[in-house]
Structure formats: structure tokens, C-alpha cells
């Protein structure tokens, strides 16, 4: 791989057009299975298992079983494991010790290709999980989310830089905004070009105004976007098949490899 690239399974982020990640959600294993099949049919590049959709505080056995269910119903598709906590807009428990135990167990089990770790868990927890991911040979996706008013968009850029400094392989910032998409784009591009952000970056504005960031991420250096094949995991997500068409139009216009 080249500098500025990272792998999740057989998918290379930071090369070519942004890849499409489809969230898989469900209250039961059978619903997770159905959602995984829909994601496969939608030709997802990566599946994100949103474990908090099943249980706010799952144990490791439940997490492994859910991952294995996705693998069985969407074989060959790269798998990202996420427990989105209430700190970052999800349904997961805010118990940081339980969060670290769960992510550590998932990493040690080897049942997924990547694990999402929230910066809001704290720098020490994040760094320990990053070290365990590296030891396990599993990609770590750092993430930060703001569903209220973020104020200064430079905060989003700082999140990315901090995730990188703590050991993330891929960094992500997602913010809610009604109008200020251009400020987000400028902040993230500044982090990339002026502040030595060297790992692949995911930058998303949530809500109606942020739709442009989901289809035009290539213009701001974003390596991944999220599309739906059923239930959405965040405001403003687009049907994955339609999203791919839009990304391909932009790819051809920009002549991205």
C-alpha cells in the first residue's frame, strides 16, 4: 500500500473513488442476517455491524455471534464492528470499561476486519485499543460525532489529528449542520494539507445539508461514505445503489483511478 492508504479486509481505503459502507442493524440475529443479505445485494464494499442496534451492552459472545451471522450471509464482504455509544449518538452504553472490554474481546477473536473506536472514550482507552488492534492485525477506525451544534468546524479537524496521534489507521469526523458544509470541507482539507494528516479520512456532515458530503466526498479527500440497504444509521444517508451511481459520475468527472 501507498502512504495515505489503509485496508479493511480486501478493500483499500484512500485509493480510487470513496468506498461504500452499508450499516447492518437489527434487534435480533435473524434481522441482522436479513440486513446483511440486503447489504450484500446492494454490493456494499464494507458492512458496518452496528452492534448497539441489538443491545446497548452486549457481551463478547453476543458480539461474536452477530459478526459470524454477517459473515455467513454476506461472505467475502469486509466487516467493520461498531458499538456506537450514547456519547456519539448511538444506543450503546456509556460504560467505558465495558466498552473497552468488548472491543478488546472482538479484536482478540479476529471475527472482523476492522473495529470502530470512539475518541470520546478517552485518550488512554483509545490508545490501548489502537495498540491491541495493531497487535491483532485488525484495522482501527477512529471516530468522533457531534449531533448538536459543533460551533467551530476546526474541532472536527482536531478530532482527526488526535485519532491519528493515538494510533488510528483511519479517522472519521461526522457533524450535524444545517448550512455550514463548506466550513467543514475547508477544515478537513486544511488538516490534510497543512496539519500532516497522513491516514485515510472520513468526513461527513449529517442531515439534509450534508448530503453533498456523502456523494462528493472525493472532492474533500474522504475515503469512505455510508449508504443504506434498509434502515439508516445516521441522518442523511442515501440508498447504496443510487449512491454508487453518483460516486461513479463524480469519479469519471474527476478521472479518479
C-alpha atoms as a PDB file:
ATOM      1  CA  UNK A   1       0.000   0.000   0.000  1.00  0.00           C
ATOM      2  CA  UNK A   2       0.989   3.594  -0.520  1.00  0.00           C
ATOM      3  CA  UNK A   3       1.138   6.308   2.127  1.00  0.00           C
ATOM      4  CA  UNK A   4      -2.336   7.574   2.964  1.00  0.00           C
ATOM      5  CA  UNK A   5      -3.950   4.176   2.376  1.00  0.00           C
ATOM      6  CA  UNK A   6      -5.347   1.509   4.701  1.00  0.00           C
ATOM      7  CA  UNK A   7      -7.035  -1.852   4.225  1.00  0.00           C
ATOM      8  CA  UNK A   8     -10.270  -3.123   5.675  1.00  0.00           C
ATOM      9  CA  UNK A   9     -10.361  -6.724   4.576  1.00  0.00           C
ATOM     10  CA  UNK A  10      -9.724  -6.717   0.827  1.00  0.00           C
ATOM     11  CA  UNK A  11     -10.812  -3.073   0.462  1.00  0.00           C
ATOM     12  CA  UNK A  12      -8.155  -0.383   0.111  1.00  0.00           C
ATOM     13  CA  UNK A  13      -9.238   2.978   1.509  1.00  0.00           C
ATOM     14  CA  UNK A  14      -7.546   6.079   0.131  1.00  0.00           C
ATOM     15  CA  UNK A  15      -7.238   4.678  -3.384  1.00  0.00           C
ATOM     16  CA  UNK A  16      -9.722   5.386  -6.171  1.00  0.00           C
ATOM     17  CA  UNK A  17     -13.222   6.649  -5.518  1.00  0.00           C
ATOM     18  CA  UNK A  18     -14.663   6.607  -1.982  1.00  0.00           C
ATOM     19  CA  UNK A  19     -15.842   3.166  -0.932  1.00  0.00           C
ATOM     20  CA  UNK A  20     -19.401   2.467   0.210  1.00  0.00           C
ATOM     21  CA  UNK A  21     -20.110   1.156   3.694  1.00  0.00           C
ATOM     22  CA  UNK A  22     -23.605  -0.154   4.420  1.00  0.00           C
ATOM     23  CA  UNK A  23     -24.722  -0.309   8.074  1.00  0.00           C
ATOM     24  CA  UNK A  24     -26.351  -3.555   9.219  1.00  0.00           C
ATOM     25  CA  UNK A  25     -28.796  -3.146  12.077  1.00  0.00           C
ATOM     26  CA  UNK A  26     -31.403  -5.297  13.831  1.00  0.00           C
ATOM     27  CA  UNK A  27     -32.792  -6.225  17.223  1.00  0.00           C
ATOM     28  CA  UNK A  28     -32.327  -9.957  16.667  1.00  0.00           C
ATOM     29  CA  UNK A  29     -29.858 -12.266  14.965  1.00  0.00           C
ATOM     30  CA  UNK A  30     -32.430 -13.091  12.289  1.00  0.00           C
ATOM     31  CA  UNK A  31     -32.887  -9.401  11.480  1.00  0.00           C
ATOM     32  CA  UNK A  32     -29.123  -8.932  11.357  1.00  0.00           C
ATOM     33  CA  UNK A  33     -28.987 -11.820   8.894  1.00  0.00           C
ATOM     34  CA  UNK A  34     -31.660 -10.217   6.702  1.00  0.00           C
ATOM     35  CA  UNK A  35     -29.886  -6.852   6.814  1.00  0.00           C
ATOM     36  CA  UNK A  36     -26.573  -8.480   5.882  1.00  0.00           C
ATOM     37  CA  UNK A  37     -28.193 -10.116   2.878  1.00  0.00           C
ATOM     38  CA  UNK A  38     -29.610  -6.751   1.764  1.00  0.00           C
ATOM     39  CA  UNK A  39     -26.175  -5.157   2.123  1.00  0.00           C
ATOM     40  CA  UNK A  40     -24.669  -7.924   0.001  1.00  0.00           C
ATOM     41  CA  UNK A  41     -27.366  -7.449  -2.653  1.00  0.00           C
ATOM     42  CA  UNK A  42     -26.612  -3.702  -2.648  1.00  0.00           C
ATOM     43  CA  UNK A  43     -22.960  -4.544  -3.427  1.00  0.00           C
ATOM     44  CA  UNK A  44     -21.548  -2.906  -0.313  1.00  0.00           C
ATOM     45  CA  UNK A  45     -17.770  -2.589  -0.262  1.00  0.00           C
ATOM     46  CA  UNK A  46     -17.824  -2.763   3.536  1.00  0.00           C
ATOM     47  CA  UNK A  47     -20.509  -3.737   6.026  1.00  0.00           C
ATOM     48  CA  UNK A  48     -20.687  -1.937   9.368  1.00  0.00           C
ATOM     49  CA  UNK A  49     -22.283  -4.115  12.022  1.00  0.00           C
ATOM     50  CA  UNK A  50     -23.979  -1.665  14.391  1.00  0.00           C
ATOM     51  CA  UNK A  51     -23.972  -3.845  17.477  1.00  0.00           C
ATOM     52  CA  UNK A  52     -25.805  -1.235  19.558  1.00  0.00           C
ATOM     53  CA  UNK A  53     -28.891  -1.861  17.424  1.00  0.00           C
ATOM     54  CA  UNK A  54     -29.151  -5.302  19.051  1.00  0.00           C
ATOM     55  CA  UNK A  55     -28.144  -4.462  22.609  1.00  0.00           C
ATOM     56  CA  UNK A  56     -26.777  -1.398  24.412  1.00  0.00           C
ATOM     57  CA  UNK A  57     -24.321  -3.522  26.420  1.00  0.00           C
ATOM     58  CA  UNK A  58     -23.622  -6.771  24.549  1.00  0.00           C
ATOM     59  CA  UNK A  59     -21.248  -9.385  25.876  1.00  0.00           C
ATOM     60  CA  UNK A  60     -18.449 -10.794  23.769  1.00  0.00           C
ATOM     61  CA  UNK A  61     -20.369 -13.978  22.905  1.00  0.00           C
ATOM     62  CA  UNK A  62     -23.254 -11.925  21.511  1.00  0.00           C
ATOM     63  CA  UNK A  63     -20.833  -9.777  19.522  1.00  0.00           C
ATOM     64  CA  UNK A  64     -19.017 -12.767  18.036  1.00  0.00           C
ATOM     65  CA  UNK A  65     -22.312 -14.458  17.130  1.00  0.00           C
ATOM     66  CA  UNK A  66     -23.528 -11.302  15.375  1.00  0.00           C
ATOM     67  CA  UNK A  67     -20.274 -10.982  13.417  1.00  0.00           C
ATOM     68  CA  UNK A  68     -20.453 -14.629  12.382  1.00  0.00           C
ATOM     69  CA  UNK A  69     -24.043 -14.104  11.230  1.00  0.00           C
ATOM     70  CA  UNK A  70     -22.973 -11.223   8.988  1.00  0.00           C
ATOM     71  CA  UNK A  71     -20.078 -13.298   7.628  1.00  0.00           C
ATOM     72  CA  UNK A  72     -22.434 -16.178   6.836  1.00  0.00           C
ATOM     73  CA  UNK A  73     -24.963 -14.027   4.978  1.00  0.00           C
ATOM     74  CA  UNK A  74     -22.528 -11.652   3.272  1.00  0.00           C
ATOM     75  CA  UNK A  75     -19.438 -13.782   2.637  1.00  0.00           C
ATOM     76  CA  UNK A  76     -16.400 -12.031   1.233  1.00  0.00           C
ATOM     77  CA  UNK A  77     -17.504  -8.522   2.233  1.00  0.00           C
ATOM     78  CA  UNK A  78     -15.219  -6.620   4.598  1.00  0.00           C
ATOM     79  CA  UNK A  79     -16.683  -6.255   8.096  1.00  0.00           C
ATOM     80  CA  UNK A  80     -16.402  -3.255  10.426  1.00  0.00           C
ATOM     81  CA  UNK A  81     -17.587  -3.782  14.012  1.00  0.00           C
ATOM     82  CA  UNK A  82     -19.134  -0.780  15.771  1.00  0.00           C
ATOM     83  CA  UNK A  83     -20.781  -0.235  19.119  1.00  0.00           C
ATOM     84  CA  UNK A  84     -21.985   3.358  18.765  1.00  0.00           C
ATOM     85  CA  UNK A  85     -22.477   4.660  22.280  1.00  0.00           C
ATOM     86  CA  UNK A  86     -24.846   7.320  23.534  1.00  0.00           C
ATOM     87  CA  UNK A  87     -21.821   9.640  23.786  1.00  0.00           C
ATOM     88  CA  UNK A  88     -21.669   9.654  19.977  1.00  0.00           C
ATOM     89  CA  UNK A  89     -25.353   9.455  19.111  1.00  0.00           C
ATOM     90  CA  UNK A  90     -25.946   5.702  19.261  1.00  0.00           C
ATOM     91  CA  UNK A  91     -27.789   3.416  21.650  1.00  0.00           C
ATOM     92  CA  UNK A  92     -24.758   1.799  23.275  1.00  0.00           C
ATOM     93  CA  UNK A  93     -23.913   2.028  26.959  1.00  0.00           C
ATOM     94  CA  UNK A  94     -21.570   4.812  28.065  1.00  0.00           C
ATOM     95  CA  UNK A  95     -19.747   2.453  30.475  1.00  0.00           C
ATOM     96  CA  UNK A  96     -16.178   3.000  29.252  1.00  0.00           C
ATOM     97  CA  UNK A  97     -14.720  -0.080  30.979  1.00  0.00           C
ATOM     98  CA  UNK A  98     -17.347  -2.353  29.414  1.00  0.00           C
ATOM     99  CA  UNK A  99     -16.741  -0.657  26.053  1.00  0.00           C
ATOM    100  CA  UNK A 100     -13.006  -1.346  26.240  1.00  0.00           C
ATOM    101  CA  UNK A 101     -13.566  -4.969  27.292  1.00  0.00           C
ATOM    102  CA  UNK A 102     -15.946  -5.539  24.396  1.00  0.00           C
ATOM    103  CA  UNK A 103     -13.690  -4.011  21.732  1.00  0.00           C
ATOM    104  CA  UNK A 104     -10.668  -5.835  23.142  1.00  0.00           C
ATOM    105  CA  UNK A 105     -12.573  -9.135  23.023  1.00  0.00           C
ATOM    106  CA  UNK A 106     -13.701  -8.557  19.466  1.00  0.00           C
ATOM    107  CA  UNK A 107     -10.134  -7.729  18.418  1.00  0.00           C
ATOM    108  CA  UNK A 108      -8.761 -10.836  20.087  1.00  0.00           C
ATOM    109  CA  UNK A 109     -11.445 -13.034  18.494  1.00  0.00           C
ATOM    110  CA  UNK A 110     -10.475 -12.000  14.961  1.00  0.00           C
ATOM    111  CA  UNK A 111     -14.092 -12.139  13.762  1.00  0.00           C
ATOM    112  CA  UNK A 112     -13.996  -8.817  11.905  1.00  0.00           C
ATOM    113  CA  UNK A 113     -11.676  -6.864   9.621  1.00  0.00           C
ATOM    114  CA  UNK A 114     -11.911  -3.528  11.443  1.00  0.00           C
ATOM    115  CA  UNK A 115     -13.180  -2.060  14.700  1.00  0.00           C
ATOM    116  CA  UNK A 116     -14.563   1.423  15.279  1.00  0.00           C
ATOM    117  CA  UNK A 117     -13.300   3.205  18.404  1.00  0.00           C
ATOM    118  CA  UNK A 118     -14.804   6.468  19.623  1.00  0.00           C
ATOM    119  CA  UNK A 119     -12.397   9.206  20.616  1.00  0.00           C
ATOM    120  CA  UNK A 120     -14.930  10.180  23.295  1.00  0.00           C
ATOM    121  CA  UNK A 121     -13.981   7.017  25.232  1.00  0.00           C
ATOM    122  CA  UNK A 122     -10.860   8.937  26.281  1.00  0.00           C
ATOM    123  CA  UNK A 123      -7.306   9.157  25.011  1.00  0.00           C
ATOM    124  CA  UNK A 124      -5.918   6.388  27.212  1.00  0.00           C
ATOM    125  CA  UNK A 125      -8.656   3.908  26.290  1.00  0.00           C
ATOM    126  CA  UNK A 126      -8.353   4.813  22.615  1.00  0.00           C
ATOM    127  CA  UNK A 127      -4.567   4.321  22.641  1.00  0.00           C
ATOM    128  CA  UNK A 128      -4.850   0.928  24.360  1.00  0.00           C
ATOM    129  CA  UNK A 129      -7.447  -0.276  21.866  1.00  0.00           C
ATOM    130  CA  UNK A 130      -5.305   1.003  18.985  1.00  0.00           C
ATOM    131  CA  UNK A 131      -2.312  -0.954  20.299  1.00  0.00           C
ATOM    132  CA  UNK A 132      -4.405  -4.118  20.624  1.00  0.00           C
ATOM    133  CA  UNK A 133      -5.756  -3.665  17.106  1.00  0.00           C
ATOM    134  CA  UNK A 134      -2.224  -3.364  15.762  1.00  0.00           C
ATOM    135  CA  UNK A 135      -1.152  -6.495  17.648  1.00  0.00           C
ATOM    136  CA  UNK A 136      -4.143  -8.381  16.236  1.00  0.00           C
ATOM    137  CA  UNK A 137      -3.553  -7.133  12.693  1.00  0.00           C
ATOM    138  CA  UNK A 138      -7.014  -5.539  12.567  1.00  0.00           C
ATOM    139  CA  UNK A 139      -7.678  -2.049  11.231  1.00  0.00           C
ATOM    140  CA  UNK A 140      -8.762   0.580  13.738  1.00  0.00           C
ATOM    141  CA  UNK A 141     -11.219   3.244  12.588  1.00  0.00           C
ATOM    142  CA  UNK A 142     -11.235   6.200  14.946  1.00  0.00           C
ATOM    143  CA  UNK A 143     -14.479   8.162  15.100  1.00  0.00           C
ATOM    144  CA  UNK A 144     -15.992  11.336  16.533  1.00  0.00           C
ATOM    145  CA  UNK A 145     -19.598  12.501  16.179  1.00  0.00           C
ATOM    146  CA  UNK A 146     -21.452  15.684  17.084  1.00  0.00           C
ATOM    147  CA  UNK A 147     -25.239  15.717  16.734  1.00  0.00           C
ATOM    148  CA  UNK A 148     -25.655  19.160  18.292  1.00  0.00           C
ATOM    149  CA  UNK A 149     -24.176  22.405  17.061  1.00  0.00           C
ATOM    150  CA  UNK A 150     -20.426  21.952  16.731  1.00  0.00           C
ATOM    151  CA  UNK A 151     -19.594  25.658  16.597  1.00  0.00           C
ATOM    152  CA  UNK A 152     -16.074  25.882  15.176  1.00  0.00           C
ATOM    153  CA  UNK A 153     -15.578  23.306  12.401  1.00  0.00           C
ATOM    154  CA  UNK A 154     -11.872  23.232  13.238  1.00  0.00           C
ATOM    155  CA  UNK A 155     -12.893  20.988  16.125  1.00  0.00           C
ATOM    156  CA  UNK A 156     -13.652  18.277  13.571  1.00  0.00           C
ATOM    157  CA  UNK A 157     -10.188  18.614  12.073  1.00  0.00           C
ATOM    158  CA  UNK A 158      -8.625  18.354  15.524  1.00  0.00           C
ATOM    159  CA  UNK A 159     -10.556  15.147  16.193  1.00  0.00           C
ATOM    160  CA  UNK A 160      -8.981  13.563  13.122  1.00  0.00           C
ATOM    161  CA  UNK A 161      -5.488  14.635  14.090  1.00  0.00           C
ATOM    162  CA  UNK A 162      -5.939  13.328  17.622  1.00  0.00           C
ATOM    163  CA  UNK A 163      -7.257   9.980  16.391  1.00  0.00           C
ATOM    164  CA  UNK A 164      -4.181   9.673  14.166  1.00  0.00           C
ATOM    165  CA  UNK A 165      -1.822  10.596  17.008  1.00  0.00           C
ATOM    166  CA  UNK A 166      -3.381   7.926  19.250  1.00  0.00           C
ATOM    167  CA  UNK A 167      -2.885   5.153  16.702  1.00  0.00           C
ATOM    168  CA  UNK A 168      -5.915   5.013  14.386  1.00  0.00           C
ATOM    169  CA  UNK A 169      -5.421   3.590  10.891  1.00  0.00           C
ATOM    170  CA  UNK A 170      -8.430   5.508   9.545  1.00  0.00           C
ATOM    171  CA  UNK A 171     -10.016   8.608  11.103  1.00  0.00           C
ATOM    172  CA  UNK A 172     -13.604   9.840  10.971  1.00  0.00           C
ATOM    173  CA  UNK A 173     -15.487  13.020  11.881  1.00  0.00           C
ATOM    174  CA  UNK A 174     -19.242  13.353  11.473  1.00  0.00           C
ATOM    175  CA  UNK A 175     -21.118  16.515  12.434  1.00  0.00           C
ATOM    176  CA  UNK A 176     -24.664  17.771  12.203  1.00  0.00           C
ATOM    177  CA  UNK A 177     -25.010  21.022  10.299  1.00  0.00           C
ATOM    178  CA  UNK A 178     -27.890  22.875   8.692  1.00  0.00           C
ATOM    179  CA  UNK A 179     -25.885  25.088   6.356  1.00  0.00           C
ATOM    180  CA  UNK A 180     -22.146  25.162   7.111  1.00  0.00           C
ATOM    181  CA  UNK A 181     -20.935  22.303   4.897  1.00  0.00           C
ATOM    182  CA  UNK A 182     -18.277  24.404   3.185  1.00  0.00           C
ATOM    183  CA  UNK A 183     -16.670  25.254   6.525  1.00  0.00           C
ATOM    184  CA  UNK A 184     -16.424  21.541   7.339  1.00  0.00           C
ATOM    185  CA  UNK A 185     -14.889  20.771   3.971  1.00  0.00           C
ATOM    186  CA  UNK A 186     -12.351  23.589   4.404  1.00  0.00           C
ATOM    187  CA  UNK A 187     -11.405  22.446   7.907  1.00  0.00           C
ATOM    188  CA  UNK A 188     -10.850  18.844   6.873  1.00  0.00           C
ATOM    189  CA  UNK A 189      -8.883  19.758   3.765  1.00  0.00           C
ATOM    190  CA  UNK A 190      -6.718  22.070   5.899  1.00  0.00           C
ATOM    191  CA  UNK A 191      -5.994  19.166   8.248  1.00  0.00           C
ATOM    192  CA  UNK A 192      -4.998  17.036   5.284  1.00  0.00           C
ATOM    193  CA  UNK A 193      -2.804  19.582   3.513  1.00  0.00           C
ATOM    194  CA  UNK A 194      -1.414  21.777   6.291  1.00  0.00           C
ATOM    195  CA  UNK A 195      -1.501  19.750   9.508  1.00  0.00           C
ATOM    196  CA  UNK A 196       0.069  16.432   8.458  1.00  0.00           C
ATOM    197  CA  UNK A 197      -2.994  14.214   8.465  1.00  0.00           C
ATOM    198  CA  UNK A 198      -1.489  11.210   6.683  1.00  0.00           C
ATOM    199  CA  UNK A 199      -4.012   8.402   7.240  1.00  0.00           C
ATOM    200  CA  UNK A 200      -7.257   7.913   5.268  1.00  0.00           C
ATOM    201  CA  UNK A 201     -10.004  10.270   6.396  1.00  0.00           C
ATOM    202  CA  UNK A 202     -13.813  10.046   6.510  1.00  0.00           C
ATOM    203  CA  UNK A 203     -15.575  13.401   6.731  1.00  0.00           C
ATOM    204  CA  UNK A 204     -19.364  13.607   6.844  1.00  0.00           C
ATOM    205  CA  UNK A 205     -21.944  16.275   7.544  1.00  0.00           C
ATOM    206  CA  UNK A 206     -25.204  14.740   8.749  1.00  0.00           C
ATOM    207  CA  UNK A 207     -28.685  15.927   7.890  1.00  0.00           C
ATOM    208  CA  UNK A 208     -30.145  17.362   4.649  1.00  0.00           C
ATOM    209  CA  UNK A 209     -27.361  19.890   4.121  1.00  0.00           C
ATOM    210  CA  UNK A 210     -24.774  17.157   4.468  1.00  0.00           C
ATOM    211  CA  UNK A 211     -25.990  15.002   1.582  1.00  0.00           C
ATOM    212  CA  UNK A 212     -23.400  16.644  -0.663  1.00  0.00           C
ATOM    213  CA  UNK A 213     -20.610  15.331   1.602  1.00  0.00           C
ATOM    214  CA  UNK A 214     -21.926  11.800   1.149  1.00  0.00           C
ATOM    215  CA  UNK A 215     -21.781  11.909  -2.636  1.00  0.00           C
ATOM    216  CA  UNK A 216     -18.957  14.413  -3.095  1.00  0.00           C
ATOM    217  CA  UNK A 217     -16.510  13.113  -0.517  1.00  0.00           C
ATOM    218  CA  UNK A 218     -13.811  12.632  -3.164  1.00  0.00           C
ATOM    219  CA  UNK A 219     -13.641  16.404  -3.566  1.00  0.00           C
ATOM    220  CA  UNK A 220     -12.672  16.837   0.100  1.00  0.00           C
ATOM    221  CA  UNK A 221     -10.409  13.804   0.391  1.00  0.00           C
ATOM    222  CA  UNK A 222     -12.865  11.469   2.110  1.00  0.00           C
ATOM    223  CA  UNK A 223     -12.147   7.765   1.520  1.00  0.00           C
ATOM    224  CA  UNK A 224     -15.475   6.243   2.591  1.00  0.00           C
ATOM    225  CA  UNK A 225     -19.153   7.096   2.622  1.00  0.00           C
ATOM    226  CA  UNK A 226     -22.225   5.409   4.073  1.00  0.00           C
ATOM    227  CA  UNK A 227     -25.268   4.223   2.114  1.00  0.00           C
ATOM    228  CA  UNK A 228     -28.387   2.332   3.090  1.00  0.00           C
ATOM    229  CA  UNK A 229     -29.855  -1.012   2.161  1.00  0.00           C
ATOM    230  CA  UNK A 230     -32.730  -0.716   4.579  1.00  0.00           C
ATOM    231  CA  UNK A 231     -32.524   1.141   7.890  1.00  0.00           C
ATOM    232  CA  UNK A 232     -30.259   4.190   8.065  1.00  0.00           C
ATOM    233  CA  UNK A 233     -27.761   4.533  10.906  1.00  0.00           C
ATOM    234  CA  UNK A 234     -27.484   8.347  10.672  1.00  0.00           C
ATOM    235  CA  UNK A 235     -29.460  11.265   9.199  1.00  0.00           C
ATOM    236  CA  UNK A 236     -28.922  11.990   5.508  1.00  0.00           C
ATOM    237  CA  UNK A 237     -27.811   8.549   4.316  1.00  0.00           C
ATOM    238  CA  UNK A 238     -28.648   7.616   0.717  1.00  0.00           C
ATOM    239  CA  UNK A 239     -29.688   4.329  -0.863  1.00  0.00           C
ATOM    240  CA  UNK A 240     -26.428   2.478  -1.555  1.00  0.00           C
ATOM    241  CA  UNK A 241     -27.168   1.636  -5.188  1.00  0.00           C
ATOM    242  CA  UNK A 242     -28.080   5.226  -6.052  1.00  0.00           C
ATOM    243  CA  UNK A 243     -25.078   6.420  -4.080  1.00  0.00           C
ATOM    244  CA  UNK A 244     -22.722   4.276  -6.162  1.00  0.00           C
ATOM    245  CA  UNK A 245     -24.120   5.775  -9.358  1.00  0.00           C
ATOM    246  CA  UNK A 246     -23.467   9.294  -8.036  1.00  0.00           C
ATOM    247  CA  UNK A 247     -19.939   8.391  -6.922  1.00  0.00           C
ATOM    248  CA  UNK A 248     -19.165   6.916 -10.327  1.00  0.00           C
ATOM    249  CA  UNK A 249     -20.343  10.086 -12.068  1.00  0.00           C
ATOM    250  CA  UNK A 250     -18.020  12.161  -9.881  1.00  0.00           C
ATOM    251  CA  UNK A 251     -15.187   9.658 -10.336  1.00  0.00           C
ATOM    252  CA  UNK A 252     -15.439   9.906 -14.102  1.00  0.00           C
ATOM    253  CA  UNK A 253     -15.597  13.706 -13.985  1.00  0.00           C
ATOM    254  CA  UNK A 254     -12.522  13.901 -11.761  1.00  0.00           C
ATOM    255  CA  UNK A 255     -10.777  10.994 -13.515  1.00  0.00           C
ATOM    256  CA  UNK A 256     -10.113   9.268 -10.204  1.00  0.00           C
ATOM    257  CA  UNK A 257      -8.301   5.958 -10.628  1.00  0.00           C
END
